[in-house]
Amino acid sequence: MTIFDIKHLDRHLREISDPLGTGFPIFKKIIAETAEKYEMSISGVLQKYIAWRWRK
């Protein structure tokens, strides 16, 4: 998973209104699809995404 891929994921996640509330099923689906696409675990995708956001 490259920085470009993480930025693409970030764009999709930012479109979700209330990602940890009513939009959580959509958030969960996007993360699961990304994990499947890059053959990673869901926690691995979240770790990379959070580490990338933390540095910004």
Protein backbone atom coordinates (compact mmCIF):
# COMPACT_ATOMS: atom_id res chain seq x y z
CA MET A 1 0.00 0.00 0.00
CA THR A 2 1.58 3.26 -1.16
CA ILE A 3 1.07 6.84 -0.05
CA PHE A 4 -1.02 7.39 -3.19
CA ASP A 5 -3.32 4.52 -2.11
CA ILE A 6 -3.62 5.94 1.41
CA LYS A 7 -4.49 9.38 0.00
CA HIS A 8 -7.16 7.76 -2.19
CA LEU A 9 -8.57 5.97 0.88
CA ASP A 10 -8.50 9.25 2.80
CA ARG A 11 -10.56 10.98 0.10
CA HIS A 12 -13.21 8.28 0.35
CA LEU A 13 -13.29 8.32 4.14
CA ARG A 14 -13.59 12.12 4.29
CA GLU A 15 -16.76 11.95 2.19
CA ILE A 16 -18.54 10.04 4.95
CA SER A 17 -20.53 12.21 7.29
CA ASP A 18 -20.24 11.00 10.89
CA PRO A 19 -17.86 8.07 10.15
CA LEU A 20 -17.91 6.78 13.72
CA GLY A 21 -21.67 7.18 14.14
CA THR A 22 -24.37 6.64 11.55
CA GLY A 23 -21.79 6.38 8.74
CA PHE A 24 -19.87 3.58 10.45
CA PRO A 25 -21.24 0.77 8.22
CA ILE A 26 -19.95 2.64 5.16
CA PHE A 27 -16.61 3.32 6.88
CA LYS A 28 -16.32 -0.35 7.81
CA LYS A 29 -17.13 -1.46 4.25
CA ILE A 30 -14.51 0.84 2.69
CA ILE A 31 -11.82 -0.35 5.11
CA ALA A 32 -12.74 -4.01 4.52
CA GLU A 33 -12.66 -3.58 0.72
CA THR A 34 -9.28 -1.84 0.92
CA ALA A 35 -7.88 -4.61 3.11
CA GLU A 36 -9.08 -7.23 0.64
CA LYS A 37 -7.72 -5.31 -2.35
CA TYR A 38 -4.22 -5.04 -0.87
CA GLU A 39 -4.35 -8.45 0.85
CA MET A 40 -3.85 -6.90 4.28
CA SER A 41 -5.64 -7.27 7.57
CA ILE A 42 -8.21 -4.67 8.52
CA SER A 43 -6.10 -3.65 11.49
CA GLY A 44 -3.08 -3.28 9.18
CA VAL A 45 -4.97 -0.90 6.91
CA LEU A 46 -6.16 1.12 9.90
CA GLN A 47 -2.64 1.25 11.36
CA LYS A 48 -1.17 2.55 8.11
CA TYR A 49 -3.96 5.09 7.68
CA ILE A 50 -3.74 6.38 11.25
CA ALA A 51 0.08 6.56 11.10
CA TRP A 52 -0.18 8.54 7.87
CA ARG A 53 -2.80 10.95 9.33
CA TRP A 54 -0.76 11.32 12.53
CA ARG A 55 2.25 12.61 10.57
CA LYS A 56 0.19 15.29 8.81
